[in-house]
C-alpha atoms as a PDB file:
ATOM      1  CA  MET A   1     -70.601 139.227 -39.236  1.00  0.00           C
ATOM      2  CA  LYS A   2     -70.675 142.883 -38.402  1.00  0.00           C
ATOM      3  CA  ILE A   3     -69.348 144.377 -35.180  1.00  0.00           C
ATOM      4  CA  LEU A   4     -70.431 147.835 -34.088  1.00  0.00           C
ATOM      5  CA  LEU A   5     -67.708 149.512 -32.057  1.00  0.00           C
ATOM      6  CA  PRO A   6     -68.624 152.561 -29.880  1.00  0.00           C
ATOM      7  CA  MET A   7     -66.003 155.312 -29.748  1.00  0.00           C
ATOM      8  CA  ALA A   8     -66.109 158.539 -27.694  1.00  0.00           C
ATOM      9  CA  ALA A   9     -65.455 161.925 -29.276  1.00  0.00           C
ATOM     10  CA  VAL A  10     -65.346 165.456 -27.827  1.00  0.00           C
ATOM     11  CA  ALA A  11     -66.540 168.407 -29.950  1.00  0.00           C
ATOM     12  CA  VAL A  12     -65.512 172.007 -29.166  1.00  0.00           C
ATOM     13  CA  SER A  13     -66.826 174.938 -31.266  1.00  0.00           C
ATOM     14  CA  LEU A  14     -64.805 178.137 -31.670  1.00  0.00           C
ATOM     15  CA  LEU A  15     -66.455 181.301 -33.091  1.00  0.00           C
ATOM     16  CA  LEU A  16     -64.084 183.854 -34.625  1.00  0.00           C
ATOM     17  CA  ALA A  17     -65.129 187.532 -35.173  1.00  0.00           C
ATOM     18  CA  SER A  18     -64.709 188.871 -38.717  1.00  0.00           C
ATOM     19  CA  CYS A  19     -62.970 192.100 -39.683  1.00  0.00           C
ATOM     20  CA  GLY A  20     -65.109 195.282 -39.494  1.00  0.00           C
ATOM     21  CA  ALA A  21     -65.681 197.951 -42.254  1.00  0.00           C
ATOM     22  CA  GLY A  22     -62.861 200.286 -43.236  1.00  0.00           C
ATOM     23  CA  GLY A  23     -60.253 197.716 -42.665  1.00  0.00           C
ATOM     24  CA  SER A  24     -60.265 198.116 -38.925  1.00  0.00           C
ATOM     25  CA  ALA A  25     -60.233 194.957 -37.009  1.00  0.00           C
ATOM     26  CA  ASP A  26     -62.409 194.357 -34.015  1.00  0.00           C
ATOM     27  CA  PRO A  27     -60.842 192.668 -31.035  1.00  0.00           C
ATOM     28  CA  LEU A  28     -60.679 188.927 -31.504  1.00  0.00           C
ATOM     29  CA  GLN A  29     -63.393 187.219 -29.516  1.00  0.00           C
ATOM     30  CA  LEU A  30     -63.491 183.516 -28.668  1.00  0.00           C
ATOM     31  CA  LYS A  31     -66.625 181.752 -27.578  1.00  0.00           C
ATOM     32  CA  ALA A  32     -66.383 178.239 -26.144  1.00  0.00           C
ATOM     33  CA  GLU A  33     -69.357 175.922 -26.222  1.00  0.00           C
ATOM     34  CA  ALA A  34     -69.950 173.071 -23.817  1.00  0.00           C
ATOM     35  CA  PRO A  35     -68.207 169.849 -24.926  1.00  0.00           C
ATOM     36  CA  ALA A  36     -70.450 167.135 -26.317  1.00  0.00           C
ATOM     37  CA  ILE A  37     -69.734 163.415 -26.189  1.00  0.00           C
ATOM     38  CA  LYS A  38     -71.014 161.495 -29.148  1.00  0.00           C
ATOM     39  CA  THR A  39     -70.687 157.900 -30.302  1.00  0.00           C
ATOM     40  CA  ILE A  40     -68.974 157.102 -33.554  1.00  0.00           C
ATOM     41  CA  LYS A  41     -70.039 153.761 -34.943  1.00  0.00           C
ATOM     42  CA  ARG A  42     -67.659 151.682 -36.964  1.00  0.00           C
ATOM     43  CA  THR A  43     -68.628 148.477 -38.708  1.00  0.00           C
ATOM     44  CA  VAL A  44     -66.079 145.654 -38.873  1.00  0.00           C
ATOM     45  CA  GLU A  45     -66.838 142.685 -41.079  1.00  0.00           C
ATOM     46  CA  LEU A  46     -65.482 139.293 -40.103  1.00  0.00           C
ATOM     47  CA  SER A  47     -66.143 136.401 -42.456  1.00  0.00           C
ATOM     48  CA  GLY A  48     -65.863 132.747 -41.572  1.00  0.00           C
ATOM     49  CA  VAL A  49     -67.600 129.383 -41.384  1.00  0.00           C
ATOM     50  CA  LEU A  50     -69.920 128.426 -38.537  1.00  0.00           C
ATOM     51  CA  SER A  51     -68.827 125.226 -36.848  1.00  0.00           C
ATOM     52  CA  PRO A  52     -69.787 123.316 -33.698  1.00  0.00           C
ATOM     53  CA  LYS A  53     -68.142 124.687 -30.605  1.00  0.00           C
ATOM     54  CA  GLN A  54     -66.969 121.206 -29.646  1.00  0.00           C
ATOM     55  CA  THR A  55     -66.547 117.931 -31.511  1.00  0.00           C
ATOM     56  CA  ALA A  56     -65.480 114.477 -30.341  1.00  0.00           C
ATOM     57  CA  THR A  57     -64.242 111.387 -32.138  1.00  0.00           C
ATOM     58  CA  VAL A  58     -64.931 108.130 -30.307  1.00  0.00           C
ATOM     59  CA  TYR A  59     -62.517 105.194 -30.623  1.00  0.00           C
ATOM     60  CA  GLY A  60     -62.896 101.704 -29.213  1.00  0.00           C
ATOM     61  CA  LYS A  61     -60.566 100.987 -26.294  1.00  0.00           C
ATOM     62  CA  LEU A  62     -60.309  97.291 -27.144  1.00  0.00           C
ATOM     63  CA  SER A  63     -60.818  94.966 -30.095  1.00  0.00           C
ATOM     64  CA  GLY A  64     -63.972  92.908 -30.293  1.00  0.00           C
ATOM     65  CA  GLN A  65     -67.231  92.276 -32.094  1.00  0.00           C
ATOM     66  CA  ALA A  66     -69.881  94.979 -31.922  1.00  0.00           C
ATOM     67  CA  SER A  67     -72.861  93.223 -30.395  1.00  0.00           C
ATOM     68  CA  ARG A  68     -75.126  96.248 -29.995  1.00  0.00           C
ATOM     69  CA  ILE A  69     -75.281  99.762 -31.468  1.00  0.00           C
ATOM     70  CA  ASP A  70     -77.731 102.194 -29.876  1.00  0.00           C
ATOM     71  CA  VAL A  71     -77.348 105.319 -32.031  1.00  0.00           C
ATOM     72  CA  ASP A  72     -77.236 106.394 -35.663  1.00  0.00           C
ATOM     73  CA  VAL A  73     -76.275 109.510 -37.592  1.00  0.00           C
ATOM     74  CA  GLY A  74     -78.501 112.445 -36.614  1.00  0.00           C
ATOM     75  CA  ASP A  75     -79.371 111.106 -33.160  1.00  0.00           C
ATOM     76  CA  ARG A  76     -78.990 113.436 -30.199  1.00  0.00           C
ATOM     77  CA  VAL A  77     -76.946 111.997 -27.342  1.00  0.00           C
ATOM     78  CA  THR A  78     -76.026 113.130 -23.862  1.00  0.00           C
ATOM     79  CA  ALA A  79     -72.689 112.816 -22.129  1.00  0.00           C
ATOM     80  CA  ASN A  80     -72.089 109.249 -20.842  1.00  0.00           C
ATOM     81  CA  GLU A  81     -74.911 107.805 -22.980  1.00  0.00           C
ATOM     82  CA  VAL A  82     -74.179 104.318 -24.362  1.00  0.00           C
ATOM     83  CA  LEU A  83     -73.247 104.323 -28.055  1.00  0.00           C
ATOM     84  CA  LEU A  84     -72.054 100.769 -28.608  1.00  0.00           C
ATOM     85  CA  GLU A  85     -71.420  97.530 -26.749  1.00  0.00           C
ATOM     86  CA  ILE A  86     -68.683  95.022 -27.608  1.00  0.00           C
ATOM     87  CA  ASP A  87     -69.291  91.329 -26.944  1.00  0.00           C
ATOM     88  CA  ALA A  88     -67.826  90.631 -23.489  1.00  0.00           C
ATOM     89  CA  HIS A  89     -68.626  86.944 -22.881  1.00  0.00           C
ATOM     90  CA  GLU A  90     -64.955  85.973 -22.758  1.00  0.00           C
ATOM     91  CA  LEU A  91     -64.217  88.844 -20.411  1.00  0.00           C
ATOM     92  CA  ALA A  92     -67.038  87.718 -18.122  1.00  0.00           C
ATOM     93  CA  ALA A  93     -65.416  84.253 -17.948  1.00  0.00           C
ATOM     94  CA  GLN A  94     -62.041  85.838 -17.182  1.00  0.00           C
ATOM     95  CA  LEU A  95     -63.652  87.864 -14.411  1.00  0.00           C
ATOM     96  CA  ALA A  96     -65.108  84.729 -12.845  1.00  0.00           C
ATOM     97  CA  LEU A  97     -61.666  83.070 -12.891  1.00  0.00           C
ATOM     98  CA  ALA A  98     -60.026  86.143 -11.386  1.00  0.00           C
ATOM     99  CA  GLN A  99     -62.620  86.335  -8.615  1.00  0.00           C
ATOM    100  CA  ALA A 100     -62.137  82.618  -7.925  1.00  0.00           C
ATOM    101  CA  ALA A 101     -58.386  83.233  -7.630  1.00  0.00           C
ATOM    102  CA  VAL A 102     -59.070  85.917  -5.010  1.00  0.00           C
ATOM    103  CA  ALA A 103     -61.214  83.488  -3.036  1.00  0.00           C
ATOM    104  CA  THR A 104     -58.455  80.858  -3.245  1.00  0.00           C
ATOM    105  CA  VAL A 105     -55.787  83.241  -1.966  1.00  0.00           C
ATOM    106  CA  LYS A 106     -58.044  84.282   0.934  1.00  0.00           C
ATOM    107  CA  GLN A 107     -58.608  80.634   1.819  1.00  0.00           C
ATOM    108  CA  GLN A 108     -54.884  79.937   1.686  1.00  0.00           C
ATOM    109  CA  ALA A 109     -54.241  82.957   3.891  1.00  0.00           C
ATOM    110  CA  ALA A 110     -56.784  81.668   6.415  1.00  0.00           C
ATOM    111  CA  GLN A 111     -55.049  78.284   6.448  1.00  0.00           C
ATOM    112  CA  ALA A 112     -51.687  79.993   6.857  1.00  0.00           C
ATOM    113  CA  LEU A 113     -53.074  81.880   9.853  1.00  0.00           C
ATOM    114  CA  VAL A 114     -54.029  78.571  11.456  1.00  0.00           C
ATOM    115  CA  GLY A 115     -50.538  77.297  10.639  1.00  0.00           C
ATOM    116  CA  ILE A 116     -49.060  80.229  12.570  1.00  0.00           C
ATOM    117  CA  ASP A 117     -50.948  79.196  15.701  1.00  0.00           C
ATOM    118  CA  THR A 118     -49.876  75.557  15.305  1.00  0.00           C
ATOM    119  CA  ALA A 119     -46.242  76.482  14.717  1.00  0.00           C
ATOM    120  CA  LYS A 120     -46.217  78.787  17.737  1.00  0.00           C
ATOM    121  CA  THR A 121     -47.696  76.070  19.943  1.00  0.00           C
ATOM    122  CA  ASN A 122     -44.977  73.639  18.824  1.00  0.00           C
ATOM    123  CA  TYR A 123     -42.293  76.212  19.474  1.00  0.00           C
ATOM    124  CA  ASP A 124     -43.643  77.064  22.942  1.00  0.00           C
ATOM    125  CA  GLN A 125     -43.630  73.391  23.902  1.00  0.00           C
ATOM    126  CA  ALA A 126     -40.082  72.841  22.638  1.00  0.00           C
ATOM    127  CA  LYS A 127     -38.847  76.011  24.342  1.00  0.00           C
ATOM    128  CA  ARG A 128     -40.424  75.085  27.682  1.00  0.00           C
ATOM    129  CA  TYR A 129     -38.828  71.628  27.516  1.00  0.00           C
ATOM    130  CA  LEU A 130     -35.420  73.136  26.729  1.00  0.00           C
ATOM    131  CA  ASP A 131     -35.768  75.686  29.527  1.00  0.00           C
ATOM    132  CA  ARG A 132     -36.715  72.939  31.977  1.00  0.00           C
ATOM    133  CA  LEU A 133     -33.621  70.928  31.102  1.00  0.00           C
ATOM    134  CA  ASN A 134     -31.393  73.978  31.407  1.00  0.00           C
ATOM    135  CA  SER A 135     -32.916  74.876  34.781  1.00  0.00           C
ATOM    136  CA  LEU A 136     -32.054  71.547  36.413  1.00  0.00           C
ATOM    137  CA  GLU A 137     -29.466  71.902  39.207  1.00  0.00           C
ATOM    138  CA  ASP A 138     -28.178  68.422  38.668  1.00  0.00           C
ATOM    139  CA  ARG A 139     -27.792  67.705  34.993  1.00  0.00           C
ATOM    140  CA  SER A 140     -25.360  64.854  35.455  1.00  0.00           C
ATOM    141  CA  SER A 141     -28.048  62.364  34.495  1.00  0.00           C
ATOM    142  CA  LEU A 142     -28.615  64.172  31.176  1.00  0.00           C
ATOM    143  CA  SER A 143     -26.622  63.236  28.167  1.00  0.00           C
ATOM    144  CA  LYS A 144     -25.231  65.802  25.776  1.00  0.00           C
ATOM    145  CA  ASN A 145     -27.456  64.359  23.071  1.00  0.00           C
ATOM    146  CA  GLN A 146     -30.570  65.130  25.090  1.00  0.00           C
ATOM    147  CA  LEU A 147     -29.634  68.781  25.466  1.00  0.00           C
ATOM    148  CA  ASP A 148     -28.621  69.035  21.807  1.00  0.00           C
ATOM    149  CA  ASP A 149     -31.862  67.422  20.662  1.00  0.00           C
ATOM    150  CA  ALA A 150     -33.935  69.779  22.811  1.00  0.00           C
ATOM    151  CA  GLN A 151     -32.056  72.785  21.488  1.00  0.00           C
ATOM    152  CA  SER A 152     -32.378  71.598  17.893  1.00  0.00           C
ATOM    153  CA  LYS A 153     -36.105  71.024  18.309  1.00  0.00           C
ATOM    154  CA  ALA A 154     -36.564  74.527  19.780  1.00  0.00           C
ATOM    155  CA  ASP A 155     -34.603  76.072  16.910  1.00  0.00           C
ATOM    156  CA  LEU A 156     -36.505  74.041  14.316  1.00  0.00           C
ATOM    157  CA  THR A 157     -39.932  74.941  15.665  1.00  0.00           C
ATOM    158  CA  GLN A 158     -38.943  78.602  15.919  1.00  0.00           C
ATOM    159  CA  ARG A 159     -37.930  78.631  12.252  1.00  0.00           C
ATOM    160  CA  ALA A 160     -41.202  76.902  11.353  1.00  0.00           C
ATOM    161  CA  TRP A 161     -43.100  79.571  13.270  1.00  0.00           C
ATOM    162  CA  GLU A 162     -41.259  82.404  11.461  1.00  0.00           C
ATOM    163  CA  SER A 163     -41.848  80.684   8.106  1.00  0.00           C
ATOM    164  CA  ALA A 164     -45.577  80.368   8.813  1.00  0.00           C
ATOM    165  CA  LYS A 165     -45.795  84.089   9.633  1.00  0.00           C
ATOM    166  CA  LEU A 166     -43.940  84.976   6.430  1.00  0.00           C
ATOM    167  CA  GLN A 167     -46.208  82.741   4.369  1.00  0.00           C
ATOM    168  CA  TYR A 168     -49.320  84.359   5.820  1.00  0.00           C
ATOM    169  CA  LYS A 169     -47.938  87.859   5.190  1.00  0.00           C
ATOM    170  CA  THR A 170     -47.087  87.003   1.584  1.00  0.00           C
ATOM    171  CA  LEU A 171     -50.519  85.551   0.893  1.00  0.00           C
ATOM    172  CA  ASN A 172     -52.492  88.208   2.758  1.00  0.00           C
ATOM    173  CA  GLU A 173     -50.607  91.141   1.264  1.00  0.00           C
ATOM    174  CA  SER A 174     -48.853  90.683  -2.069  1.00  0.00           C
ATOM    175  CA  GLY A 175     -50.682  87.503  -3.144  1.00  0.00           C
ATOM    176  CA  LEU A 176     -54.123  88.909  -2.389  1.00  0.00           C
ATOM    177  CA  ALA A 177     -53.220  92.311  -3.864  1.00  0.00           C
ATOM    178  CA  GLN A 178     -52.157  90.705  -7.154  1.00  0.00           C
ATOM    179  CA  ALA A 179     -55.310  88.612  -7.355  1.00  0.00           C
ATOM    180  CA  GLU A 180     -57.547  91.587  -6.609  1.00  0.00           C
ATOM    181  CA  ALA A 181     -55.632  93.730  -9.123  1.00  0.00           C
ATOM    182  CA  GLN A 182     -56.334  91.152 -11.819  1.00  0.00           C
ATOM    183  CA  VAL A 183     -60.040  91.373 -10.989  1.00  0.00           C
ATOM    184  CA  GLU A 184     -59.897  95.150 -11.432  1.00  0.00           C
ATOM    185  CA  VAL A 185     -58.084  94.780 -14.763  1.00  0.00           C
ATOM    186  CA  VAL A 186     -60.799  92.522 -16.140  1.00  0.00           C
ATOM    187  CA  LYS A 187     -63.540  94.782 -14.757  1.00  0.00           C
ATOM    188  CA  SER A 188     -61.887  97.725 -16.511  1.00  0.00           C
ATOM    189  CA  GLN A 189     -61.842  95.780 -19.789  1.00  0.00           C
ATOM    190  CA  ILE A 190     -65.530  94.977 -19.389  1.00  0.00           C
ATOM    191  CA  GLU A 191     -66.247  98.666 -18.757  1.00  0.00           C
ATOM    192  CA  ASN A 192     -64.219  99.530 -21.866  1.00  0.00           C
ATOM    193  CA  SER A 193     -66.414  97.197 -23.883  1.00  0.00           C
ATOM    194  CA  ILE A 194     -69.194  99.778 -23.459  1.00  0.00           C
ATOM    195  CA  LEU A 195     -68.553 102.954 -25.469  1.00  0.00           C
ATOM    196  CA  ARG A 196     -70.181 106.116 -24.154  1.00  0.00           C
ATOM    197  CA  SER A 197     -70.525 109.615 -25.539  1.00  0.00           C
ATOM    198  CA  PRO A 198     -68.005 112.047 -24.029  1.00  0.00           C
ATOM    199  CA  ILE A 199     -70.188 115.115 -24.705  1.00  0.00           C
ATOM    200  CA  ASP A 200     -73.742 116.269 -25.346  1.00  0.00           C
ATOM    201  CA  GLY A 201     -74.348 116.596 -29.058  1.00  0.00           C
ATOM    202  CA  VAL A 202     -75.482 115.027 -32.310  1.00  0.00           C
ATOM    203  CA  VAL A 203     -73.985 111.946 -33.976  1.00  0.00           C
ATOM    204  CA  THR A 204     -72.497 113.167 -37.254  1.00  0.00           C
ATOM    205  CA  ASN A 205     -70.731 109.978 -38.351  1.00  0.00           C
ATOM    206  CA  ARG A 206     -70.909 106.234 -37.626  1.00  0.00           C
ATOM    207  CA  ASN A 207     -68.266 103.849 -38.979  1.00  0.00           C
ATOM    208  CA  ILE A 208     -69.392 100.536 -37.442  1.00  0.00           C
ATOM    209  CA  ASN A 209     -72.252  98.091 -37.943  1.00  0.00           C
ATOM    210  CA  PRO A 210     -73.494  95.285 -35.680  1.00  0.00           C
ATOM    211  CA  GLY A 211     -71.305  92.194 -35.972  1.00  0.00           C
ATOM    212  CA  GLU A 212     -68.256  94.051 -37.265  1.00  0.00           C
ATOM    213  CA  LEU A 213     -64.964  94.105 -35.374  1.00  0.00           C
ATOM    214  CA  THR A 214     -63.799  97.207 -33.556  1.00  0.00           C
ATOM    215  CA  SER A 215     -60.202  98.372 -33.338  1.00  0.00           C
ATOM    216  CA  PRO A 216     -58.548 100.933 -31.024  1.00  0.00           C
ATOM    217  CA  SER A 217     -57.061 102.582 -34.120  1.00  0.00           C
ATOM    218  CA  THR A 218     -60.402 103.049 -35.924  1.00  0.00           C
ATOM    219  CA  ALA A 219     -62.748 105.983 -35.287  1.00  0.00           C
ATOM    220  CA  LEU A 220     -66.228 104.594 -34.633  1.00  0.00           C
ATOM    221  CA  PHE A 221     -68.345 107.725 -34.059  1.00  0.00           C
ATOM    222  CA  SER A 222     -68.132 111.488 -34.513  1.00  0.00           C
ATOM    223  CA  ILE A 223     -70.220 113.723 -32.248  1.00  0.00           C
ATOM    224  CA  ALA A 224     -70.716 117.477 -32.501  1.00  0.00           C
ATOM    225  CA  GLU A 225     -72.099 119.883 -29.912  1.00  0.00           C
ATOM    226  CA  ILE A 226     -74.423 122.114 -31.934  1.00  0.00           C
ATOM    227  CA  ASP A 227     -76.224 123.879 -29.096  1.00  0.00           C
ATOM    228  CA  LYS A 228     -73.385 126.389 -29.321  1.00  0.00           C
ATOM    229  CA  LEU A 229     -71.643 127.453 -32.519  1.00  0.00           C
ATOM    230  CA  LYS A 230     -68.436 129.322 -33.108  1.00  0.00           C
ATOM    231  CA  LEU A 231     -67.121 131.495 -35.906  1.00  0.00           C
ATOM    232  CA  GLN A 232     -63.387 131.958 -36.344  1.00  0.00           C
ATOM    233  CA  GLY A 233     -61.799 134.738 -38.356  1.00  0.00           C
ATOM    234  CA  THR A 234     -59.188 137.467 -38.258  1.00  0.00           C
ATOM    235  CA  VAL A 235     -59.227 141.242 -37.820  1.00  0.00           C
ATOM    236  CA  SER A 236     -56.579 143.835 -38.603  1.00  0.00           C
ATOM    237  CA  GLN A 237     -54.262 145.189 -35.949  1.00  0.00           C
ATOM    238  CA  ASP A 238     -55.933 148.625 -35.946  1.00  0.00           C
ATOM    239  CA  VAL A 239     -59.221 146.987 -34.895  1.00  0.00           C
ATOM    240  CA  VAL A 240     -58.114 144.334 -32.430  1.00  0.00           C
ATOM    241  CA  SER A 241     -57.395 146.889 -29.690  1.00  0.00           C
ATOM    242  CA  LEU A 242     -61.055 147.985 -29.834  1.00  0.00           C
ATOM    243  CA  LEU A 243     -62.401 144.507 -29.213  1.00  0.00           C
ATOM    244  CA  ALA A 244     -62.986 142.858 -25.854  1.00  0.00           C
ATOM    245  CA  THR A 245     -64.231 139.460 -24.756  1.00  0.00           C
ATOM    246  CA  GLY A 246     -67.936 139.549 -24.049  1.00  0.00           C
ATOM    247  CA  LEU A 247     -68.647 142.151 -26.752  1.00  0.00           C
ATOM    248  CA  LYS A 248     -72.008 141.394 -28.405  1.00  0.00           C
ATOM    249  CA  VAL A 249     -72.035 141.152 -32.183  1.00  0.00           C
ATOM    250  CA  ALA A 250     -74.539 140.430 -34.964  1.00  0.00           C
ATOM    251  CA  VAL A 251     -73.924 137.326 -37.057  1.00  0.00           C
ATOM    252  CA  ASN A 252     -75.552 137.098 -40.480  1.00  0.00           C
ATOM    253  CA  VAL A 253     -75.801 133.602 -41.964  1.00  0.00           C
ATOM    254  CA  ASP A 254     -76.269 133.166 -45.709  1.00  0.00           C
ATOM    255  CA  GLY A 255     -79.701 131.711 -46.429  1.00  0.00           C
ATOM    256  CA  LEU A 256     -80.982 132.125 -42.872  1.00  0.00           C
ATOM    257  CA  ALA A 257     -84.427 133.677 -43.152  1.00  0.00           C
ATOM    258  CA  SER A 258     -84.823 134.439 -39.463  1.00  0.00           C
ATOM    259  CA  GLY A 259     -82.311 137.293 -39.572  1.00  0.00           C
ATOM    260  CA  ALA A 260     -79.090 137.945 -37.704  1.00  0.00           C
ATOM    261  CA  LEU A 261     -78.045 135.826 -34.737  1.00  0.00           C
ATOM    262  CA  GLU A 262     -76.619 137.266 -31.561  1.00  0.00           C
ATOM    263  CA  GLY A 263     -73.050 136.289 -30.740  1.00  0.00           C
ATOM    264  CA  ARG A 264     -70.328 137.406 -28.410  1.00  0.00           C
ATOM    265  CA  VAL A 265     -66.573 137.633 -28.694  1.00  0.00           C
ATOM    266  CA  THR A 266     -65.112 134.825 -26.585  1.00  0.00           C
ATOM    267  CA  GLN A 267     -61.491 134.788 -27.655  1.00  0.00           C
ATOM    268  CA  ILE A 268     -59.000 137.264 -29.064  1.00  0.00           C
ATOM    269  CA  GLY A 269     -55.635 135.950 -30.161  1.00  0.00           C
ATOM    270  CA  PRO A 270     -52.708 137.628 -28.372  1.00  0.00           C
ATOM    271  CA  VAL A 271     -50.371 136.951 -31.313  1.00  0.00           C
ATOM    272  CA  GLY A 272     -50.933 137.959 -34.905  1.00  0.00           C
ATOM    273  CA  ALA A 273     -51.819 135.178 -37.321  1.00  0.00           C
ATOM    274  CA  THR A 274     -50.085 136.704 -40.354  1.00  0.00           C
ATOM    275  CA  SER A 275     -46.872 138.581 -39.616  1.00  0.00           C
ATOM    276  CA  GLY A 276     -48.581 140.552 -36.849  1.00  0.00           C
ATOM    277  CA  GLN A 277     -51.022 142.252 -39.226  1.00  0.00           C
ATOM    278  CA  TYR A 278     -54.136 140.188 -38.492  1.00  0.00           C
ATOM    279  CA  PHE A 279     -55.256 138.649 -35.212  1.00  0.00           C
ATOM    280  CA  PRO A 280     -57.537 135.612 -34.735  1.00  0.00           C
ATOM    281  CA  VAL A 281     -60.940 136.212 -33.177  1.00  0.00           C
ATOM    282  CA  VAL A 282     -63.547 133.665 -32.049  1.00  0.00           C
ATOM    283  CA  VAL A 283     -67.244 134.534 -31.781  1.00  0.00           C
ATOM    284  CA  THR A 284     -69.595 132.172 -29.933  1.00  0.00           C
ATOM    285  CA  ILE A 285     -73.337 131.893 -30.636  1.00  0.00           C
ATOM    286  CA  ASP A 286     -75.149 130.506 -27.598  1.00  0.00           C
ATOM    287  CA  LYS A 287     -78.578 130.169 -29.290  1.00  0.00           C
ATOM    288  CA  PRO A 288     -77.991 129.182 -32.920  1.00  0.00           C
ATOM    289  CA  GLY A 289     -81.543 127.974 -33.579  1.00  0.00           C
ATOM    290  CA  LYS A 290     -81.606 126.312 -37.022  1.00  0.00           C
ATOM    291  CA  ALA A 291     -78.433 127.960 -38.286  1.00  0.00           C
ATOM    292  CA  LEU A 292     -76.827 124.648 -39.230  1.00  0.00           C
ATOM    293  CA  ALA A 293     -79.990 123.037 -40.552  1.00  0.00           C
ATOM    294  CA  GLU A 294     -80.674 125.862 -42.939  1.00  0.00           C
END
């Protein structure tokens, strides 16, 4: 790659008078010309290997049998496109059980709500009876056992009412939340059984065949974005100060018959790569054409 760096220079011409005949010297005359700004071109060569601007390695998020593979090496894919599907029949059964558990908890909560109404009715009746006994002006005909029984029944029905409310709250809040969370867990596992491409690019490697088992620790696909290429190299410290991001450069690829490609400087390392003498530089090619193919 060659980078042409423009530099400004100012030229000033001075004309000096020579000595006259007989050894006498004429008065020294100076003549100033108008300054001229010219461009000095300097060529900087940066060698490196063209590589995809972005690559991605796709791993399976769960273990299972690959039931369907939609792509092969060399295929172009877009972000979020399906690459592979893992058999999810067991997960579908687990989802059905989890959804049934949610329905059961909701039904139990509905029954508990009815139980609250029943318990409150029982308490209201017991409390009214106790209040009526306590409001009698002449309670001489009442035995102590009658009053104690009425009080005990009021206390018992009140506790039953509080217990029914607590049961409904537990079912409707924590119980239902746990059941619904389990549904979401299984749904997430089913979603993870479908592997999708994280980027636009070309499949450069495939390490799985239909019927084989996947593993979260095994790379299944490699994908490279080749619509943009990058070249990484280093330049000396006396050149790095002349570079700037966005600077257009010419990139010559060995064996490429179509001539130089146009690139631009997209990154300049702030720290030297080798004892401060050389700095890393990245050049991006937005339209590589067939640079990789050739």
